[in-house]
Amino acid sequence: MTTKIAKYISIVGHPLLTIPVFAVIALFNFESVEKASWISVLIICGIVIPLVVKMYRGEKSGAYTNFDVSNQSQRQSWYTYTVILLTIVTIVVFATGQSRTLRFGLLFSTLLLYTSQLVNRYIKSSLHVSMNIFLFFMILSMSKIIALTFLVFIFLVAWARLILKRHTGRELLIGALIGLFWGVLFFIFIDTSFVFRAVGNL
């Protein structure tokens, strides 16, 4: 029963689900319907669908042990593919002058994945944890209450990954540190008033 619950939490907490859902909701709340629609299509068709197809085919062909690409050595090529996709989409949103939050959200997400790829040479960090912690800081810049609720969910996701034996405690910790590092940088970069308040309190 515990394993079944952990499996459901892991699926719901998959970055390929949490991040696109957040992005679409945020876009339609802060942008015009026309702009929100085409950016949503860009993210879903430019990142989500290609990744889902690659991971599904990889699992079916045996190239990947499972859909999560939990094998450390298998992740290297997956990282390269994902970073390329994110880089292309990031260039598009910068070139078309999209909002500061969207532009730098994608940029910092790409840097997070590149960092994870470098770290993957030594340890398989948890992307479920790192990407969702980064997402926590994106939500924090919009709503503190929703962000704190989401933070509780991240702990459940980490628990689920541990129960399913997809990660060790150390791998979860490394993932958390990577997400925290890029998340804090993103939050400070976006919420410049936070920087001024911090300096004023010194």
N, C-alpha and C. Protein backbone atom coordinates (compact mmCIF):
# COMPACT_ATOMS: atom_id res chain seq x y z
N MET A 1 0.83 -1.21 0.00
CA MET A 1 0.00 0.00 0.00
C MET A 1 0.87 1.26 0.00
N THR A 2 1.93 1.24 0.82
CA THR A 2 2.85 2.39 0.90
C THR A 2 3.52 2.63 -0.44
N THR A 3 3.94 1.54 -1.09
CA THR A 3 4.61 1.65 -2.39
C THR A 3 3.66 2.20 -3.45
N LYS A 4 2.40 1.79 -3.38
CA LYS A 4 1.41 2.26 -4.35
C LYS A 4 1.18 3.76 -4.19
N ILE A 5 1.08 4.22 -2.94
CA ILE A 5 0.89 5.65 -2.68
C ILE A 5 2.11 6.43 -3.18
N ALA A 6 3.30 5.88 -2.88
CA ALA A 6 4.54 6.53 -3.31
C ALA A 6 4.61 6.65 -4.83
N LYS A 7 4.13 5.62 -5.52
CA LYS A 7 4.14 5.63 -6.99
C LYS A 7 3.26 6.73 -7.53
N TYR A 8 2.06 6.89 -6.96
CA TYR A 8 1.15 7.94 -7.40
C TYR A 8 1.73 9.34 -7.14
N ILE A 9 2.33 9.52 -5.96
CA ILE A 9 2.94 10.81 -5.62
C ILE A 9 4.08 11.12 -6.59
N SER A 10 4.88 10.10 -6.91
CA SER A 10 6.00 10.27 -7.82
C SER A 10 5.53 10.68 -9.21
N ILE A 11 4.43 10.09 -9.65
CA ILE A 11 3.88 10.42 -10.98
C ILE A 11 3.36 11.86 -11.00
N VAL A 12 2.58 12.22 -9.98
CA VAL A 12 2.02 13.57 -9.90
C VAL A 12 3.13 14.61 -9.74
N GLY A 13 4.21 14.22 -9.05
CA GLY A 13 5.31 15.14 -8.81
C GLY A 13 6.38 15.14 -9.88
N HIS A 14 6.14 14.45 -10.99
CA HIS A 14 7.12 14.41 -12.08
C HIS A 14 7.26 15.81 -12.68
N PRO A 15 8.48 16.30 -12.84
CA PRO A 15 8.70 17.65 -13.39
C PRO A 15 8.04 17.87 -14.75
N LEU A 16 7.89 16.80 -15.54
CA LEU A 16 7.24 16.93 -16.84
C LEU A 16 5.74 17.19 -16.70
N LEU A 17 5.23 17.04 -15.49
CA LEU A 17 3.83 17.35 -15.22
C LEU A 17 3.69 18.64 -14.43
N THR A 18 4.45 18.76 -13.34
CA THR A 18 4.29 19.93 -12.46
C THR A 18 4.69 21.25 -13.13
N ILE A 19 5.79 21.24 -13.85
CA ILE A 19 6.28 22.49 -14.44
C ILE A 19 5.40 22.98 -15.60
N PRO A 20 5.01 22.12 -16.56
CA PRO A 20 4.12 22.61 -17.62
C PRO A 20 2.76 23.07 -17.08
N VAL A 21 2.22 22.35 -16.10
CA VAL A 21 0.93 22.75 -15.52
C VAL A 21 1.04 24.13 -14.89
N PHE A 22 2.10 24.35 -14.11
CA PHE A 22 2.33 25.66 -13.50
C PHE A 22 2.49 26.74 -14.57
N ALA A 23 3.30 26.43 -15.59
CA ALA A 23 3.58 27.42 -16.64
C ALA A 23 2.31 27.85 -17.35
N VAL A 24 1.47 26.89 -17.70
CA VAL A 24 0.23 27.21 -18.42
C VAL A 24 -0.71 28.04 -17.55
N ILE A 25 -0.86 27.63 -16.28
CA ILE A 25 -1.73 28.38 -15.36
C ILE A 25 -1.23 29.81 -15.18
N ALA A 26 0.08 29.95 -14.96
CA ALA A 26 0.67 31.27 -14.75
C ALA A 26 0.53 32.14 -16.00
N LEU A 27 0.76 31.56 -17.16
CA LEU A 27 0.66 32.32 -18.41
C LEU A 27 -0.73 32.87 -18.63
N PHE A 28 -1.74 32.03 -18.40
CA PHE A 28 -3.11 32.48 -18.64
C PHE A 28 -3.62 33.43 -17.56
N ASN A 29 -2.89 33.51 -16.45
CA ASN A 29 -3.25 34.45 -15.39
C ASN A 29 -2.59 35.81 -15.56
N PHE A 30 -1.40 35.82 -16.20
CA PHE A 30 -0.63 37.07 -16.28
C PHE A 30 -0.43 37.61 -17.69
N GLU A 31 -0.78 36.83 -18.70
CA GLU A 31 -0.60 37.27 -20.07
C GLU A 31 -1.95 37.30 -20.80
N SER A 32 -1.96 37.91 -21.96
CA SER A 32 -3.17 37.89 -22.78
C SER A 32 -3.41 36.46 -23.26
N VAL A 33 -4.65 36.16 -23.61
CA VAL A 33 -5.00 34.80 -24.06
C VAL A 33 -4.17 34.41 -25.28
N GLU A 34 -4.00 35.34 -26.20
CA GLU A 34 -3.24 35.05 -27.42
C GLU A 34 -1.79 34.70 -27.11
N LYS A 35 -1.16 35.54 -26.29
CA LYS A 35 0.24 35.30 -25.95
C LYS A 35 0.40 34.03 -25.11
N ALA A 36 -0.49 33.86 -24.13
CA ALA A 36 -0.43 32.68 -23.26
C ALA A 36 -0.60 31.40 -24.08
N SER A 37 -1.45 31.44 -25.07
CA SER A 37 -1.73 30.27 -25.90
C SER A 37 -0.51 29.84 -26.70
N TRP A 38 0.14 30.81 -27.38
CA TRP A 38 1.26 30.40 -28.24
C TRP A 38 2.51 30.04 -27.43
N ILE A 39 2.69 30.66 -26.27
CA ILE A 39 3.83 30.29 -25.43
C ILE A 39 3.60 28.91 -24.82
N SER A 40 2.36 28.62 -24.45
CA SER A 40 2.02 27.31 -23.91
C SER A 40 2.29 26.22 -24.95
N VAL A 41 1.89 26.51 -26.20
CA VAL A 41 2.14 25.57 -27.30
C VAL A 41 3.65 25.39 -27.50
N LEU A 42 4.39 26.48 -27.41
CA LEU A 42 5.85 26.43 -27.56
C LEU A 42 6.48 25.52 -26.51
N ILE A 43 6.07 25.69 -25.26
CA ILE A 43 6.62 24.89 -24.16
C ILE A 43 6.22 23.42 -24.28
N ILE A 44 4.95 23.19 -24.57
CA ILE A 44 4.46 21.81 -24.65
C ILE A 44 5.02 21.07 -25.87
N CYS A 45 4.99 21.75 -27.03
CA CYS A 45 5.46 21.10 -28.26
C CYS A 45 6.99 21.14 -28.40
N GLY A 46 7.61 22.15 -27.79
CA GLY A 46 9.06 22.29 -27.92
C GLY A 46 9.86 21.56 -26.86
N ILE A 47 9.22 21.26 -25.73
CA ILE A 47 9.94 20.59 -24.63
C ILE A 47 9.24 19.33 -24.16
N VAL A 48 7.98 19.47 -23.72
CA VAL A 48 7.29 18.36 -23.07
C VAL A 48 7.07 17.16 -23.99
N ILE A 49 6.45 17.39 -25.13
CA ILE A 49 6.14 16.28 -26.03
C ILE A 49 7.40 15.58 -26.54
N PRO A 50 8.42 16.32 -27.01
CA PRO A 50 9.65 15.64 -27.45
C PRO A 50 10.29 14.79 -26.35
N LEU A 51 10.25 15.29 -25.09
CA LEU A 51 10.82 14.53 -23.98
C LEU A 51 10.01 13.28 -23.66
N VAL A 52 8.70 13.44 -23.64
CA VAL A 52 7.83 12.29 -23.36
C VAL A 52 8.02 11.21 -24.42
N VAL A 53 8.07 11.61 -25.69
CA VAL A 53 8.26 10.66 -26.78
C VAL A 53 9.61 9.96 -26.66
N LYS A 54 10.66 10.74 -26.39
CA LYS A 54 12.00 10.15 -26.26
C LYS A 54 12.06 9.16 -25.10
N MET A 55 11.50 9.54 -23.96
CA MET A 55 11.54 8.68 -22.78
C MET A 55 10.69 7.43 -22.97
N TYR A 56 9.54 7.58 -23.63
CA TYR A 56 8.67 6.43 -23.90
C TYR A 56 9.35 5.45 -24.86
N ARG A 57 9.89 5.99 -25.94
CA ARG A 57 10.58 5.13 -26.91
C ARG A 57 11.82 4.48 -26.31
N GLY A 58 12.53 5.26 -25.49
CA GLY A 58 13.72 4.73 -24.84
C GLY A 58 13.40 3.57 -23.91
N GLU A 59 12.29 3.71 -23.17
CA GLU A 59 11.87 2.63 -22.27
C GLU A 59 11.44 1.40 -23.06
N LYS A 60 10.68 1.60 -24.13
CA LYS A 60 10.18 0.49 -24.94
C LYS A 60 11.31 -0.26 -25.65
N SER A 61 12.30 0.49 -26.11
CA SER A 61 13.41 -0.13 -26.84
C SER A 61 14.45 -0.76 -25.92
N GLY A 62 14.38 -0.41 -24.64
CA GLY A 62 15.36 -0.94 -23.69
C GLY A 62 16.56 -0.03 -23.49
N ALA A 63 16.57 1.11 -24.22
CA ALA A 63 17.67 2.07 -24.07
C ALA A 63 17.64 2.68 -22.67
N TYR A 64 16.43 2.84 -22.12
CA TYR A 64 16.25 3.34 -20.76
C TYR A 64 15.65 2.24 -19.90
N THR A 65 16.14 2.11 -18.69
CA THR A 65 15.63 1.10 -17.77
C THR A 65 14.17 1.35 -17.43
N ASN A 66 13.80 2.62 -17.29
CA ASN A 66 12.41 2.99 -17.01
C ASN A 66 12.15 4.40 -17.56
N PHE A 67 10.89 4.82 -17.46
CA PHE A 67 10.48 6.12 -18.01
C PHE A 67 11.21 7.28 -17.33
N ASP A 68 11.56 7.13 -16.04
CA ASP A 68 12.25 8.18 -15.30
C ASP A 68 13.73 8.29 -15.65
N VAL A 69 14.23 7.36 -16.48
CA VAL A 69 15.66 7.29 -16.83
C VAL A 69 16.48 7.29 -15.54
N SER A 70 16.21 6.31 -14.70
CA SER A 70 16.84 6.26 -13.38
C SER A 70 18.29 5.76 -13.41
N ASN A 71 18.68 5.15 -14.53
CA ASN A 71 20.05 4.66 -14.64
C ASN A 71 21.00 5.84 -14.86
N GLN A 72 22.03 5.93 -14.04
CA GLN A 72 22.94 7.08 -14.07
C GLN A 72 23.63 7.25 -15.42
N SER A 73 24.14 6.18 -15.99
CA SER A 73 24.86 6.29 -17.27
C SER A 73 23.93 6.65 -18.42
N GLN A 74 22.68 6.17 -18.34
CA GLN A 74 21.71 6.46 -19.40
C GLN A 74 21.28 7.92 -19.39
N ARG A 75 21.44 8.56 -18.25
CA ARG A 75 20.98 9.95 -18.12
C ARG A 75 21.83 10.94 -18.90
N GLN A 76 23.09 10.63 -19.17
CA GLN A 76 23.97 11.60 -19.81
C GLN A 76 23.45 12.05 -21.17
N SER A 77 23.07 11.09 -22.01
CA SER A 77 22.55 11.45 -23.34
C SER A 77 21.19 12.13 -23.21
N TRP A 78 20.40 11.71 -22.22
CA TRP A 78 19.09 12.33 -21.98
C TRP A 78 19.28 13.79 -21.59
N TYR A 79 20.26 14.06 -20.74
CA TYR A 79 20.55 15.44 -20.32
C TYR A 79 20.92 16.30 -21.53
N THR A 80 21.77 15.77 -22.39
CA THR A 80 22.21 16.53 -23.56
C THR A 80 21.01 16.91 -24.43
N TYR A 81 20.14 15.94 -24.68
CA TYR A 81 18.93 16.17 -25.49
C TYR A 81 18.04 17.23 -24.85
N THR A 82 17.84 17.12 -23.54
CA THR A 82 16.96 18.03 -22.81
C THR A 82 17.51 19.45 -22.77
N VAL A 83 18.81 19.56 -22.52
CA VAL A 83 19.45 20.89 -22.47
C VAL A 83 19.34 21.57 -23.84
N ILE A 84 19.50 20.81 -24.91
CA ILE A 84 19.37 21.38 -26.27
C ILE A 84 17.96 21.91 -26.49
N LEU A 85 16.94 21.11 -26.11
CA LEU A 85 15.55 21.55 -26.26
C LEU A 85 15.30 22.84 -25.48
N LEU A 86 15.72 22.86 -24.22
CA LEU A 86 15.50 24.03 -23.38
C LEU A 86 16.24 25.26 -23.91
N THR A 87 17.44 25.04 -24.42
CA THR A 87 18.22 26.15 -24.97
C THR A 87 17.51 26.78 -26.17
N ILE A 88 16.98 25.94 -27.05
CA ILE A 88 16.27 26.44 -28.23
C ILE A 88 15.05 27.26 -27.82
N VAL A 89 14.24 26.71 -26.91
CA VAL A 89 13.03 27.41 -26.45
C VAL A 89 13.40 28.70 -25.73
N THR A 90 14.48 28.67 -24.94
CA THR A 90 14.94 29.86 -24.22
C THR A 90 15.35 30.96 -25.19
N ILE A 91 16.05 30.59 -26.24
CA ILE A 91 16.46 31.57 -27.27
C ILE A 91 15.23 32.19 -27.91
N VAL A 92 14.20 31.38 -28.17
CA VAL A 92 12.97 31.88 -28.80
C VAL A 92 12.28 32.91 -27.89
N VAL A 93 12.17 32.60 -26.59
CA VAL A 93 11.46 33.53 -25.69
C VAL A 93 12.26 34.81 -25.46
N PHE A 94 13.59 34.72 -25.50
CA PHE A 94 14.41 35.93 -25.39
C PHE A 94 14.28 36.76 -26.67
N ALA A 95 14.32 36.08 -27.83
CA ALA A 95 14.26 36.78 -29.12
C ALA A 95 12.92 37.46 -29.34
N THR A 96 11.86 36.90 -28.75
CA THR A 96 10.53 37.48 -28.94
C THR A 96 10.14 38.42 -27.80
N GLY A 97 11.08 38.69 -26.89
CA GLY A 97 10.86 39.68 -25.84
C GLY A 97 9.76 39.33 -24.85
N GLN A 98 9.75 38.08 -24.40
CA GLN A 98 8.73 37.67 -23.42
C GLN A 98 9.05 38.23 -22.03
N SER A 99 8.18 37.96 -21.08
CA SER A 99 8.32 38.52 -19.73
C SER A 99 9.64 38.10 -19.09
N ARG A 100 10.11 38.93 -18.20
CA ARG A 100 11.37 38.68 -17.49
C ARG A 100 11.32 37.34 -16.73
N THR A 101 10.20 37.06 -16.08
CA THR A 101 10.06 35.82 -15.31
C THR A 101 10.17 34.60 -16.21
N LEU A 102 9.51 34.64 -17.35
CA LEU A 102 9.55 33.51 -18.29
C LEU A 102 10.94 33.33 -18.87
N ARG A 103 11.53 34.43 -19.31
CA ARG A 103 12.85 34.35 -19.93
C ARG A 103 13.89 33.76 -18.99
N PHE A 104 13.94 34.32 -17.78
CA PHE A 104 14.98 33.87 -16.85
C PHE A 104 14.59 32.58 -16.12
N GLY A 105 13.30 32.30 -16.09
CA GLY A 105 12.87 31.00 -15.56
C GLY A 105 13.40 29.88 -16.43
N LEU A 106 13.27 30.04 -17.74
CA LEU A 106 13.78 29.04 -18.68
C LEU A 106 15.30 28.99 -18.68
N LEU A 107 15.93 30.17 -18.63
CA LEU A 107 17.39 30.22 -18.62
C LEU A 107 17.96 29.50 -17.40
N PHE A 108 17.42 29.81 -16.22
CA PHE A 108 17.93 29.20 -15.00
C PHE A 108 17.59 27.71 -14.94
N SER A 109 16.46 27.32 -15.54
CA SER A 109 16.11 25.90 -15.62
C SER A 109 17.13 25.14 -16.46
N THR A 110 17.54 25.77 -17.55
CA THR A 110 18.55 25.17 -18.43
C THR A 110 19.88 25.02 -17.69
N LEU A 111 20.25 26.04 -16.94
CA LEU A 111 21.50 25.99 -16.17
C LEU A 111 21.42 24.93 -15.07
N LEU A 112 20.24 24.78 -14.49
CA LEU A 112 20.04 23.74 -13.47
C LEU A 112 20.27 22.35 -14.08
N LEU A 113 19.69 22.12 -15.25
CA LEU A 113 19.85 20.82 -15.91
C LEU A 113 21.30 20.57 -16.32
N TYR A 114 21.97 21.62 -16.79
CA TYR A 114 23.38 21.48 -17.18
C TYR A 114 24.23 21.16 -15.96
N THR A 115 23.93 21.80 -14.84
CA THR A 115 24.63 21.50 -13.58
C THR A 115 24.40 20.05 -13.18
N SER A 116 23.16 19.60 -13.30
CA SER A 116 22.82 18.21 -12.96
C SER A 116 23.56 17.23 -13.85
N GLN A 117 23.74 17.59 -15.12
CA GLN A 117 24.47 16.73 -16.04
C GLN A 117 25.94 16.61 -15.63
N LEU A 118 26.53 17.72 -15.22
CA LEU A 118 27.92 17.69 -14.76
C LEU A 118 28.05 16.85 -13.50
N VAL A 119 27.11 17.05 -12.57
CA VAL A 119 27.13 16.30 -11.30
C VAL A 119 26.88 14.82 -11.55
N ASN A 120 26.12 14.51 -12.60
CA ASN A 120 25.76 13.12 -12.90
C ASN A 120 26.96 12.24 -13.21
N ARG A 121 28.07 12.86 -13.50
CA ARG A 121 29.30 12.09 -13.72
C ARG A 121 29.75 11.40 -12.43
N TYR A 122 29.30 11.96 -11.31
CA TYR A 122 29.73 11.43 -10.00
C TYR A 122 28.58 10.85 -9.18
N ILE A 123 27.40 11.45 -9.32
CA ILE A 123 26.24 10.98 -8.54
C ILE A 123 24.95 11.35 -9.29
N LYS A 124 23.95 10.48 -9.18
CA LYS A 124 22.68 10.69 -9.87
C LYS A 124 21.75 11.52 -8.97
N SER A 125 21.75 12.82 -9.18
CA SER A 125 20.91 13.69 -8.36
C SER A 125 19.44 13.54 -8.76
N SER A 126 18.54 13.83 -7.83
CA SER A 126 17.11 13.70 -8.09
C SER A 126 16.56 14.92 -8.81
N LEU A 127 16.11 14.72 -10.04
CA LEU A 127 15.49 15.82 -10.80
C LEU A 127 14.09 16.11 -10.29
N HIS A 128 13.41 15.07 -9.76
CA HIS A 128 12.10 15.30 -9.17
C HIS A 128 12.21 16.37 -8.08
N VAL A 129 13.26 16.26 -7.27
CA VAL A 129 13.44 17.19 -6.16
C VAL A 129 14.01 18.53 -6.64
N SER A 130 15.06 18.49 -7.44
CA SER A 130 15.71 19.75 -7.86
C SER A 130 14.78 20.64 -8.69
N MET A 131 14.09 20.05 -9.66
CA MET A 131 13.22 20.86 -10.52
C MET A 131 12.01 21.40 -9.75
N ASN A 132 11.49 20.59 -8.83
CA ASN A 132 10.33 21.07 -8.05
C ASN A 132 10.73 22.12 -7.02
N ILE A 133 11.93 22.04 -6.49
CA ILE A 133 12.41 23.10 -5.59
C ILE A 133 12.59 24.39 -6.38
N PHE A 134 13.12 24.27 -7.58
CA PHE A 134 13.24 25.45 -8.44
C PHE A 134 11.86 26.03 -8.72
N LEU A 135 10.90 25.15 -9.00
CA LEU A 135 9.53 25.58 -9.25
C LEU A 135 8.95 26.28 -8.02
N PHE A 136 9.31 25.80 -6.83
CA PHE A 136 8.86 26.43 -5.59
C PHE A 136 9.23 27.91 -5.57
N PHE A 137 10.46 28.23 -5.99
CA PHE A 137 10.90 29.63 -5.99
C PHE A 137 10.19 30.45 -7.07
N MET A 138 9.83 29.82 -8.17
CA MET A 138 9.05 30.52 -9.19
C MET A 138 7.66 30.86 -8.64
N ILE A 139 7.08 29.90 -7.93
CA ILE A 139 5.76 30.13 -7.33
C ILE A 139 5.87 31.17 -6.22
N LEU A 140 6.96 31.12 -5.47
CA LEU A 140 7.17 32.05 -4.35
C LEU A 140 7.16 33.50 -4.81
N SER A 141 7.65 33.75 -6.02
CA SER A 141 7.68 35.11 -6.56
C SER A 141 6.28 35.60 -6.91
N MET A 142 5.29 34.68 -6.86
CA MET A 142 3.91 35.04 -7.21
C MET A 142 2.95 34.90 -6.03
N SER A 143 3.12 33.83 -5.23
CA SER A 143 2.21 33.59 -4.10
C SER A 143 2.91 32.80 -3.01
N LYS A 144 3.09 33.41 -1.85
CA LYS A 144 3.78 32.76 -0.74
C LYS A 144 2.97 31.59 -0.17
N ILE A 145 1.66 31.75 -0.11
CA ILE A 145 0.81 30.69 0.45
C ILE A 145 0.84 29.43 -0.41
N ILE A 146 0.68 29.61 -1.72
CA ILE A 146 0.72 28.47 -2.64
C ILE A 146 2.11 27.83 -2.62
N ALA A 147 3.13 28.67 -2.54
CA ALA A 147 4.51 28.17 -2.52
C ALA A 147 4.76 27.30 -1.30
N LEU A 148 4.31 27.72 -0.13
CA LEU A 148 4.51 26.94 1.09
C LEU A 148 3.75 25.62 1.04
N THR A 149 2.56 25.65 0.45
CA THR A 149 1.79 24.41 0.27
C THR A 149 2.54 23.46 -0.66
N PHE A 150 3.10 24.01 -1.72
CA PHE A 150 3.86 23.20 -2.69
C PHE A 150 5.12 22.63 -2.05
N LEU A 151 5.71 23.38 -1.12
CA LEU A 151 6.91 22.91 -0.43
C LEU A 151 6.63 21.62 0.35
N VAL A 152 5.48 21.55 0.98
CA VAL A 152 5.08 20.33 1.70
C VAL A 152 5.00 19.16 0.70
N PHE A 153 4.46 19.44 -0.47
CA PHE A 153 4.34 18.41 -1.51
C PHE A 153 5.71 17.92 -1.95
N ILE A 154 6.70 18.81 -2.00
CA ILE A 154 8.06 18.42 -2.41
C ILE A 154 8.64 17.40 -1.44
N PHE A 155 8.38 17.58 -0.14
CA PHE A 155 8.84 16.61 0.85
C PHE A 155 8.20 15.25 0.61
N LEU A 156 6.93 15.25 0.21
CA LEU A 156 6.23 13.99 -0.10
C LEU A 156 6.85 13.33 -1.34
N VAL A 157 7.21 14.15 -2.32
CA VAL A 157 7.84 13.62 -3.53
C VAL A 157 9.18 12.98 -3.20
N ALA A 158 9.97 13.65 -2.36
CA ALA A 158 11.27 13.11 -1.94
C ALA A 158 11.08 11.78 -1.20
N TRP A 159 10.08 11.74 -0.33
CA TRP A 159 9.76 10.49 0.40
C TRP A 159 9.40 9.38 -0.58
N ALA A 160 8.58 9.72 -1.59
CA ALA A 160 8.14 8.73 -2.57
C ALA A 160 9.32 8.18 -3.37
N ARG A 161 10.23 9.04 -3.78
CA ARG A 161 11.39 8.60 -4.56
C ARG A 161 12.29 7.67 -3.73
N LEU A 162 12.33 7.94 -2.43
CA LEU A 162 13.12 7.09 -1.53
C LEU A 162 12.45 5.73 -1.34
N ILE A 163 11.14 5.73 -1.14
CA ILE A 163 10.39 4.49 -0.96
C ILE A 163 10.47 3.61 -2.20
N LEU A 164 10.41 4.24 -3.37
CA LEU A 164 10.46 3.50 -4.64
C LEU A 164 11.87 3.06 -5.00
N LYS A 165 12.84 3.49 -4.20
CA LYS A 165 14.26 3.15 -4.39
C LYS A 165 14.80 3.68 -5.72
N ARG A 166 14.23 4.81 -6.16
CA ARG A 166 14.75 5.45 -7.36
C ARG A 166 15.96 6.33 -7.01
N HIS A 167 16.05 6.70 -5.74
CA HIS A 167 17.17 7.52 -5.28
C HIS A 167 17.55 7.14 -3.84
N THR A 168 18.80 7.41 -3.51
CA THR A 168 19.25 7.27 -2.13
C THR A 168 19.05 8.62 -1.44
N GLY A 169 19.20 8.64 -0.12
CA GLY A 169 19.08 9.90 0.61
C GLY A 169 20.09 10.92 0.13
N ARG A 170 21.29 10.46 -0.19
CA ARG A 170 22.35 11.37 -0.67
C ARG A 170 21.98 11.98 -2.02
N GLU A 171 21.41 11.18 -2.90
CA GLU A 171 21.01 11.67 -4.22
C GLU A 171 19.88 12.70 -4.11
N LEU A 172 18.99 12.47 -3.17
CA LEU A 172 17.91 13.44 -2.92
C LEU A 172 18.47 14.75 -2.39
N LEU A 173 19.45 14.64 -1.50
CA LEU A 173 20.07 15.83 -0.92
C LEU A 173 20.80 16.64 -1.98
N ILE A 174 21.55 15.96 -2.85
CA ILE A 174 22.27 16.66 -3.92
C ILE A 174 21.28 17.34 -4.86
N GLY A 175 20.19 16.66 -5.18
CA GLY A 175 19.16 17.26 -6.02
C GLY A 175 18.56 18.49 -5.37
N ALA A 176 18.32 18.40 -4.06
CA ALA A 176 17.76 19.53 -3.31
C ALA A 176 18.71 20.72 -3.33
N LEU A 177 20.00 20.46 -3.17
CA LEU A 177 20.99 21.54 -3.15
C LEU A 177 21.10 22.23 -4.51
N ILE A 178 21.03 21.44 -5.59
CA ILE A 178 21.08 22.02 -6.94
C ILE A 178 19.85 22.89 -7.18
N GLY A 179 18.68 22.37 -6.81
CA GLY A 179 17.45 23.14 -6.97
C GLY A 179 17.45 24.40 -6.13
N LEU A 180 17.97 24.28 -4.91
CA LEU A 180 18.03 25.41 -3.99
C LEU A 180 18.96 26.49 -4.52
N PHE A 181 20.11 26.08 -5.03
CA PHE A 181 21.10 27.03 -5.55
C PHE A 181 20.51 27.86 -6.69
N TRP A 182 19.98 27.20 -7.72
CA TRP A 182 19.46 27.93 -8.87
C TRP A 182 18.13 28.61 -8.55
N GLY A 183 17.35 28.02 -7.64
CA GLY A 183 16.09 28.63 -7.24
C GLY A 183 16.29 29.94 -6.51
N VAL A 184 17.24 29.97 -5.58
CA VAL A 184 17.52 31.19 -4.83
C VAL A 184 18.07 32.27 -5.77
N LEU A 185 18.96 31.88 -6.66
CA LEU A 185 19.50 32.85 -7.62
C LEU A 185 18.39 33.44 -8.49
N PHE A 186 17.50 32.57 -8.95
CA PHE A 186 16.38 33.04 -9.76
C PHE A 186 15.50 34.01 -8.96
N PHE A 187 15.17 33.65 -7.73
CA PHE A 187 14.30 34.47 -6.90
C PHE A 187 14.91 35.85 -6.64
N ILE A 188 16.20 35.87 -6.33
CA ILE A 188 16.89 37.14 -6.08
C ILE A 188 16.95 37.97 -7.36
N PHE A 189 17.20 37.30 -8.47
CA PHE A 189 17.32 37.99 -9.75
C PHE A 189 16.00 38.60 -10.18
N ILE A 190 14.90 37.87 -9.95
CA ILE A 190 13.58 38.34 -10.35
C ILE A 190 13.02 39.35 -9.37
N ASP A 191 13.11 39.02 -8.07
CA ASP A 191 12.54 39.90 -7.05
C ASP A 191 13.63 40.86 -6.55
N THR A 192 13.92 41.87 -7.37
CA THR A 192 15.01 42.80 -7.02
C THR A 192 14.71 43.55 -5.72
N SER A 193 13.44 43.69 -5.37
CA SER A 193 13.08 44.38 -4.13
C SER A 193 13.59 43.59 -2.93
N PHE A 194 13.69 42.26 -3.11
CA PHE A 194 14.23 41.41 -2.04
C PHE A 194 15.68 41.78 -1.75
N VAL A 195 16.44 42.04 -2.81
CA VAL A 195 17.85 42.41 -2.66
C VAL A 195 17.97 43.74 -1.93
N PHE A 196 17.16 44.72 -2.35
CA PHE A 196 17.23 46.04 -1.73
C PHE A 196 16.84 45.98 -0.26
N ARG A 197 15.83 45.16 0.10
CA ARG A 197 15.42 45.02 1.48
C ARG A 197 16.53 44.39 2.30
N ALA A 198 17.18 43.38 1.70
CA ALA A 198 18.27 42.69 2.42
C ALA A 198 19.43 43.63 2.68
N VAL A 199 19.79 44.43 1.66
CA VAL A 199 20.89 45.37 1.82
C VAL A 199 20.52 46.44 2.84
N GLY A 200 19.27 46.88 2.81
CA GLY A 200 18.82 47.92 3.75
C GLY A 200 18.83 47.46 5.19
N ASN A 201 18.73 46.16 5.40
CA ASN A 201 18.73 45.64 6.77
C ASN A 201 20.12 45.38 7.34
N LEU A 202 21.13 45.56 6.50
CA LEU A 202 22.51 45.31 6.98
C LEU A 202 22.99 46.44 7.89
